Amino acid sequence: MKVGLFFGSFNPVHTGHMIIANQIVSLTDLTQVWMIVSPHNPLKRKASLANDFDRLHLVNLAIGDNTRIKASNIEFNLPKPSYTIDTLAYLTEKHPQHEFVLIMGGDNLATLSKWKNYQQITDNYEIYVYQRQGFETMIKSGSSKIKILQEFPLLDISSTYIRECIRNGISVQYMVPDSVYEYLEGSTMYRS
């Protein structure tokens, strides 16, 4: 099975994340997309992160009954901070029957050279890149393993903005999936 790995803090998961996951699994050769909830991205501040299991729960709510998209907590038990190459190596060893493809936005492709052992990633794994606002010109690749997904919508929804709205009592309805919205309305997540 060919599985796309969509890494993210998903803090919180929003409609843009779900549209990307659904479009990629619907329009490419991937059988499934696994949304990997990252406990700590070494390139981001940990202080603003909600609890790992709360974020995983929101991703599961967002996915609902879609069997082609799956939430994964695989990085919860790996050393922190989470490095993509380590997770890829672990998953490749644990699931040799699967072919793993890395899914990333154009903003991440622009900074890929800062990632731990990035050359191993580009040498050994296909990378499917969706465009991000302001990074279209950065999406140029010399590697045959990097596939630029041109036909995907440009989405400019930010988890940071959603957290600010929640903190300020502004509705985030339609920015997050309905099930996530309902959960957040009844919880204290992101309110302080």
Foldseek 3Di string as FASTA:
>chain_A
DEEEEAEDCCLPPWPVNVLVLVCPCVPDPHQAYEYENFCADPVDDNVSHDDSVVNLVQVCLQCDPPPRYHYDPQNVPPDPPDAPVVSVVVCCVVCVVYAYAYEEELVCVLVLVVGVPSVCCLVRHAYEYEYEPPRPVVPDDPGPSYHYDPPGDHDDQDSVVVLVCLLVVHQCPPGHPPSSSVVSVPDCRSND
